[in-house]
Amino acid sequence: MIDLSKTIDLSTTYLGLKLKNPLVASSSPMCEDVGNIRRIEDAGAAAVVLHSLFEEEIEHESDELDRFIQAGSERGPESLTHFPELTHRVMGPDAYLAHIVKCKQAVRIPVIASLNGTTNGGWLRYARQAEQAGADALELNIYHIAVDPDVTGEQVEQRYVDLVKAVKAEVRIPVAVKLGPYFSSMANVAKKLDAAGAGALVLFNRFYQPDFDLEALEVVPNLILSNSHELLLRLHWIAVVYGTVKADLALTGGVHSATDVVKAMMAGAKIAMMTSALL
């Protein structure tokens, strides 16, 4: 029997990083645990994208702490001695940054930080801090839902372009942009982001789509894992964009088998990312 591991070179490059193969574990709850990341490396993944740092969650936690301290201070003058006056938000991404450090110490494969900001200051601050913590690259998880009827598609696209330019000016490590499929001209958006300095385009993000609970009469989360059928949309746009941009192309969503990975490579992707198949 032929030992294929000695006859076939599966290595590739992504964001300037040398990878032993095109399999990358994408952002998921699994990546919150260092032990899981070790197992992902042992299983053969060539790189890992950490779970996203959400600026919105940090702000929410800070607001909750503000209310807690304010409620305590209203109980009586003596309670003021228990809590210092808040002049700024005290909750930060410390745990996430510490996780980057631990992951870099625990594994040899590249560790890519994933960021989801809500303000320009937040995007830039956390990008800079992730770089300082040792992340090999950044993935901008731009989870923007355009719901304002007065905002044009061109304005939405420009927001993406401006963000990429700003982050690239702030850090030296490579930057990938994770996109959703809902653009009127995906190929043109890809070209704009490429010109803005994106080192890779990750196609496509999967937006959470809540559902209605008819018994409780309320909106409920509805997270459905991907299947291989979702690969088709990704294959189409990877193939369309391939050759029109310098940025690397990464396929995410619907990768569940070796066949899916091969199809991703045939379409023009440098890497295939997996999440649902690992959960």
Protein backbone atom coordinates (compact mmCIF):
# COMPACT_ATOMS: atom_id res chain seq x y z
CA MET A 1 0.00 0.00 0.00
CA ILE A 2 1.29 3.46 -0.92
CA ASP A 3 1.81 5.88 1.96
CA LEU A 4 0.09 8.94 0.51
CA SER A 5 1.35 11.16 3.32
CA LYS A 6 4.85 10.75 1.86
CA THR A 7 3.93 11.20 -1.79
CA ILE A 8 1.43 14.05 -1.76
CA ASP A 9 2.22 17.56 -0.60
CA LEU A 10 -0.94 19.00 0.97
CA SER A 11 0.70 22.20 2.18
CA THR A 12 -0.63 25.61 1.25
CA THR A 13 -0.31 29.23 2.27
CA TYR A 14 -3.04 31.39 3.74
CA LEU A 15 -2.59 35.00 4.80
CA GLY A 16 1.11 34.48 4.28
CA LEU A 17 1.11 31.64 6.81
CA LYS A 18 2.55 28.29 5.79
CA LEU A 19 -0.02 25.56 6.48
CA LYS A 20 0.58 21.82 6.34
CA ASN A 21 -2.81 21.28 4.67
CA PRO A 22 -5.90 23.32 3.70
CA LEU A 23 -8.04 22.26 6.69
CA VAL A 24 -8.75 25.04 9.18
CA ALA A 25 -11.01 24.88 12.22
CA SER A 26 -13.17 27.98 12.03
CA SER A 27 -14.62 30.06 14.82
CA SER A 28 -16.91 28.09 17.15
CA PRO A 29 -17.61 27.50 20.86
CA MET A 30 -15.12 24.61 20.71
CA CYS A 31 -12.34 27.15 20.35
CA GLU A 32 -13.07 28.63 23.77
CA ASP A 33 -11.19 25.76 25.41
CA VAL A 34 -7.43 25.28 25.06
CA GLY A 35 -7.82 21.52 25.45
CA ASN A 36 -10.15 21.42 22.46
CA ILE A 37 -7.68 23.40 20.39
CA ARG A 38 -4.96 20.88 21.26
CA ARG A 39 -7.26 18.09 20.09
CA ILE A 40 -8.04 20.01 16.91
CA GLU A 41 -4.31 20.26 16.21
CA ASP A 42 -3.79 16.57 17.01
CA ALA A 43 -6.62 15.68 14.60
CA GLY A 44 -4.73 17.36 11.77
CA ALA A 45 -6.08 20.89 11.44
CA ALA A 46 -3.49 23.24 9.98
CA ALA A 47 -4.75 26.37 11.79
CA VAL A 48 -7.54 27.49 14.08
CA VAL A 49 -9.75 30.56 14.18
CA LEU A 50 -10.74 31.40 17.74
CA HIS A 51 -14.30 32.20 18.77
CA SER A 52 -15.19 35.83 18.12
CA LEU A 53 -14.61 38.63 20.57
CA PHE A 54 -17.88 40.58 20.47
CA GLU A 55 -17.59 44.23 21.44
CA GLU A 56 -21.36 44.29 21.97
CA GLU A 57 -21.08 41.61 24.67
CA ILE A 58 -18.32 43.53 26.42
CA GLU A 59 -20.46 46.67 26.41
CA HIS A 60 -23.44 44.72 27.74
CA GLU A 61 -21.41 43.26 30.61
CA SER A 62 -20.07 46.70 31.42
CA ASP A 63 -23.58 48.16 31.44
CA GLU A 64 -24.75 45.40 33.77
CA LEU A 65 -21.89 46.16 36.16
CA ASP A 66 -22.70 49.87 36.00
CA ARG A 67 -26.30 49.15 37.00
CA PHE A 68 -25.20 46.80 39.78
CA ILE A 69 -22.89 49.39 41.28
CA GLN A 70 -25.43 52.18 40.85
CA ALA A 71 -28.10 50.09 42.59
CA GLY A 72 -25.72 49.40 45.44
CA SER A 73 -24.84 53.07 45.84
CA GLU A 74 -28.53 53.97 46.09
CA ARG A 75 -29.06 51.78 49.15
CA GLY A 76 -27.37 54.22 51.47
CA PRO A 77 -24.36 56.45 51.92
CA GLU A 78 -22.37 53.67 53.52
CA SER A 79 -22.59 51.53 50.40
CA LEU A 80 -20.57 54.08 48.45
CA THR A 81 -17.46 52.84 50.22
CA HIS A 82 -17.89 49.39 48.68
CA PHE A 83 -17.79 50.48 45.04
CA PRO A 84 -15.47 52.99 43.35
CA GLU A 85 -17.13 55.56 41.11
CA LEU A 86 -17.05 54.41 37.51
CA THR A 87 -15.47 56.95 35.20
CA HIS A 88 -14.96 54.46 32.35
CA ARG A 89 -16.00 50.97 31.38
CA VAL A 90 -14.19 48.41 33.47
CA MET A 91 -14.99 45.26 31.56
CA GLY A 92 -12.60 44.44 28.74
CA PRO A 93 -11.36 41.63 26.52
CA ASP A 94 -8.81 40.47 29.08
CA ALA A 95 -10.03 36.87 29.10
CA TYR A 96 -9.97 36.69 25.30
CA LEU A 97 -6.48 38.12 25.09
CA ALA A 98 -5.28 35.72 27.79
CA HIS A 99 -6.84 32.90 25.77
CA ILE A 100 -4.79 33.90 22.73
CA VAL A 101 -1.63 33.76 24.83
CA LYS A 102 -2.52 30.32 26.22
CA CYS A 103 -3.35 28.94 22.78
CA LYS A 104 -0.08 30.18 21.33
CA GLN A 105 1.75 28.43 24.15
CA ALA A 106 -0.25 25.21 23.76
CA VAL A 107 -0.14 24.57 20.00
CA ARG A 108 2.20 25.03 17.05
CA ILE A 109 -0.41 25.72 14.41
CA PRO A 110 -1.29 29.35 13.60
CA VAL A 111 -3.88 30.95 15.87
CA ILE A 112 -6.18 33.46 14.19
CA ALA A 113 -8.18 35.87 16.34
CA SER A 114 -11.76 36.68 15.33
CA LEU A 115 -13.18 40.12 16.05
CA ASN A 116 -16.72 41.47 15.89
CA GLY A 117 -16.88 45.17 16.66
CA THR A 118 -19.66 47.72 16.83
CA THR A 119 -17.64 50.95 16.86
CA ASN A 120 -14.58 52.06 14.94
CA GLY A 121 -12.71 52.54 18.20
CA GLY A 122 -13.61 49.04 19.33
CA TRP A 123 -12.48 47.38 16.10
CA LEU A 124 -9.13 49.14 16.19
CA ARG A 125 -8.51 48.72 19.91
CA TYR A 126 -9.21 45.01 19.95
CA ALA A 127 -7.32 44.41 16.71
CA ARG A 128 -4.25 46.05 18.21
CA GLN A 129 -4.60 44.12 21.47
CA ALA A 130 -5.07 40.79 19.68
CA GLU A 131 -1.88 41.42 17.74
CA GLN A 132 -0.02 42.27 20.94
CA ALA A 133 -1.32 39.06 22.55
CA GLY A 134 0.37 37.05 19.80
CA ALA A 135 -2.36 36.26 17.26
CA ASP A 136 -0.87 35.21 13.93
CA ALA A 137 -3.64 36.93 11.99
CA LEU A 138 -7.04 38.58 12.38
CA GLU A 139 -10.40 37.63 10.96
CA LEU A 140 -12.87 40.51 10.89
CA ASN A 141 -16.26 38.93 11.50
CA ILE A 142 -18.33 41.80 10.12
CA TYR A 143 -21.79 40.81 11.29
CA HIS A 144 -23.65 43.84 9.97
CA ILE A 145 -27.37 43.61 9.24
CA ALA A 146 -28.46 46.56 7.10
CA VAL A 147 -31.94 47.39 8.43
CA ASP A 148 -31.99 51.17 7.95
CA PRO A 149 -34.03 51.91 4.79
CA ASP A 150 -32.22 55.23 4.38
CA VAL A 151 -28.79 53.60 4.11
CA THR A 152 -27.85 52.64 0.56
CA GLY A 153 -26.03 49.52 -0.52
CA GLU A 154 -23.08 51.67 -1.55
CA GLN A 155 -22.89 53.15 1.95
CA VAL A 156 -22.90 49.68 3.50
CA GLU A 157 -20.09 48.55 1.22
CA GLN A 158 -18.07 51.68 1.99
CA ARG A 159 -18.36 50.93 5.70
CA TYR A 160 -16.67 47.58 5.08
CA VAL A 161 -13.94 49.16 2.97
CA ASP A 162 -13.24 51.91 5.49
CA LEU A 163 -13.04 49.38 8.31
CA VAL A 164 -10.52 47.20 6.48
CA LYS A 165 -8.36 50.22 5.67
CA ALA A 166 -8.45 51.40 9.29
CA VAL A 167 -7.57 48.00 10.75
CA LYS A 168 -4.78 47.46 8.23
CA ALA A 169 -3.30 50.81 9.23
CA GLU A 170 -3.40 49.75 12.88
CA VAL A 171 -1.77 46.30 12.78
CA ARG A 172 1.02 44.53 10.96
CA ILE A 173 -0.37 41.00 11.04
CA PRO A 174 -2.50 39.87 8.07
CA VAL A 175 -6.22 40.58 8.07
CA ALA A 176 -9.03 38.43 6.64
CA VAL A 177 -12.60 39.61 6.13
CA LYS A 178 -15.51 37.24 6.73
CA LEU A 179 -18.48 38.21 4.58
CA GLY A 180 -22.11 37.34 4.24
CA PRO A 181 -23.57 36.62 0.79
CA TYR A 182 -26.05 39.49 0.77
CA PHE A 183 -24.43 42.00 -1.57
CA SER A 184 -25.89 43.14 -4.88
CA SER A 185 -22.49 42.71 -6.56
CA MET A 186 -20.34 40.30 -4.59
CA ALA A 187 -17.54 40.32 -7.15
CA ASN A 188 -17.25 44.11 -6.96
CA VAL A 189 -17.29 44.08 -3.15
CA ALA A 190 -14.51 41.50 -3.20
CA LYS A 191 -12.49 43.73 -5.54
CA LYS A 192 -12.98 46.76 -3.25
CA LEU A 193 -11.94 44.87 -0.11
CA ASP A 194 -8.94 43.44 -1.92
CA ALA A 195 -7.85 46.95 -2.89
CA ALA A 196 -8.42 48.09 0.71
CA GLY A 197 -5.82 45.60 1.90
CA ALA A 198 -7.72 42.47 2.91
CA GLY A 199 -5.32 39.53 2.85
CA ALA A 200 -8.13 37.02 2.54
CA LEU A 201 -11.87 36.87 1.95
CA VAL A 202 -13.83 34.26 3.89
CA LEU A 203 -17.03 33.21 2.10
CA PHE A 204 -19.59 33.04 3.63
CA ASN A 205 -20.74 34.00 7.09
CA ARG A 206 -23.95 32.40 8.36
CA PHE A 207 -26.27 34.89 10.06
CA TYR A 208 -28.34 33.73 12.99
CA GLN A 209 -32.00 33.67 11.98
CA PRO A 210 -34.41 33.66 14.95
CA ASP A 211 -37.77 31.94 14.78
CA PHE A 212 -41.19 32.40 16.38
CA ASP A 213 -42.36 30.13 19.20
CA LEU A 214 -46.11 29.87 18.55
CA GLU A 215 -46.82 28.46 22.01
CA ALA A 216 -44.89 31.04 24.02
CA LEU A 217 -45.60 33.80 21.48
CA GLU A 218 -42.03 35.00 21.53
CA VAL A 219 -38.94 35.16 19.36
CA VAL A 220 -36.48 32.34 20.01
CA PRO A 221 -32.94 31.62 18.76
CA ASN A 222 -32.76 29.05 16.00
CA LEU A 223 -29.22 27.89 15.36
CA ILE A 224 -29.14 25.20 12.69
CA LEU A 225 -25.84 23.56 11.82
CA SER A 226 -24.76 23.60 8.20
CA ASN A 227 -24.92 20.73 5.71
CA SER A 228 -23.03 19.98 2.51
CA HIS A 229 -25.80 21.50 0.38
CA GLU A 230 -24.77 24.94 1.64
CA LEU A 231 -21.43 24.39 -0.07
CA LEU A 232 -22.92 25.17 -3.48
CA LEU A 233 -23.39 28.90 -2.91
CA ARG A 234 -19.81 29.14 -1.63
CA LEU A 235 -18.39 27.19 -4.54
CA HIS A 236 -20.18 29.46 -7.00
CA TRP A 237 -18.82 32.71 -5.61
CA ILE A 238 -15.33 31.40 -4.88
CA ALA A 239 -15.13 30.37 -8.53
CA VAL A 240 -16.47 33.75 -9.71
CA VAL A 241 -14.08 35.80 -7.56
CA TYR A 242 -11.03 33.57 -8.13
CA GLY A 243 -8.50 35.27 -10.36
CA THR A 244 -10.00 38.74 -9.94
CA VAL A 245 -8.38 39.52 -6.56
CA LYS A 246 -4.96 39.07 -4.99
CA ALA A 247 -6.47 38.15 -1.62
CA ASP A 248 -6.62 34.50 -0.63
CA LEU A 249 -10.05 32.89 -0.71
CA ALA A 250 -11.35 30.77 2.15
CA LEU A 251 -14.51 28.70 1.98
CA THR A 252 -16.58 28.33 5.13
CA GLY A 253 -20.02 26.81 5.49
CA GLY A 254 -21.02 23.34 4.35
CA VAL A 255 -17.65 21.58 4.59
CA HIS A 256 -18.36 18.14 6.05
CA SER A 257 -16.26 15.68 4.08
CA ALA A 258 -13.04 15.21 2.14
CA THR A 259 -15.09 15.55 -1.04
CA ASP A 260 -16.29 18.97 0.10
CA VAL A 261 -12.70 20.04 0.72
CA VAL A 262 -11.62 18.92 -2.75
CA LYS A 263 -14.49 20.86 -4.32
CA ALA A 264 -13.45 23.98 -2.40
CA MET A 265 -9.93 23.65 -3.79
CA MET A 266 -11.24 23.12 -7.32
CA ALA A 267 -13.28 26.33 -7.06
CA GLY A 268 -10.19 28.31 -6.08
CA ALA A 269 -10.16 28.37 -2.28
CA LYS A 270 -6.82 28.27 -0.49
CA ILE A 271 -8.37 26.67 2.58
CA ALA A 272 -11.59 25.00 3.67
CA MET A 273 -12.95 25.92 7.08
CA MET A 274 -14.99 23.56 9.24
CA THR A 275 -17.29 24.23 12.19
CA SER A 276 -20.49 22.19 12.20
CA ALA A 277 -18.66 18.98 11.30
CA LEU A 278 -16.55 19.37 14.45
CA LEU A 279 -19.39 20.10 16.89
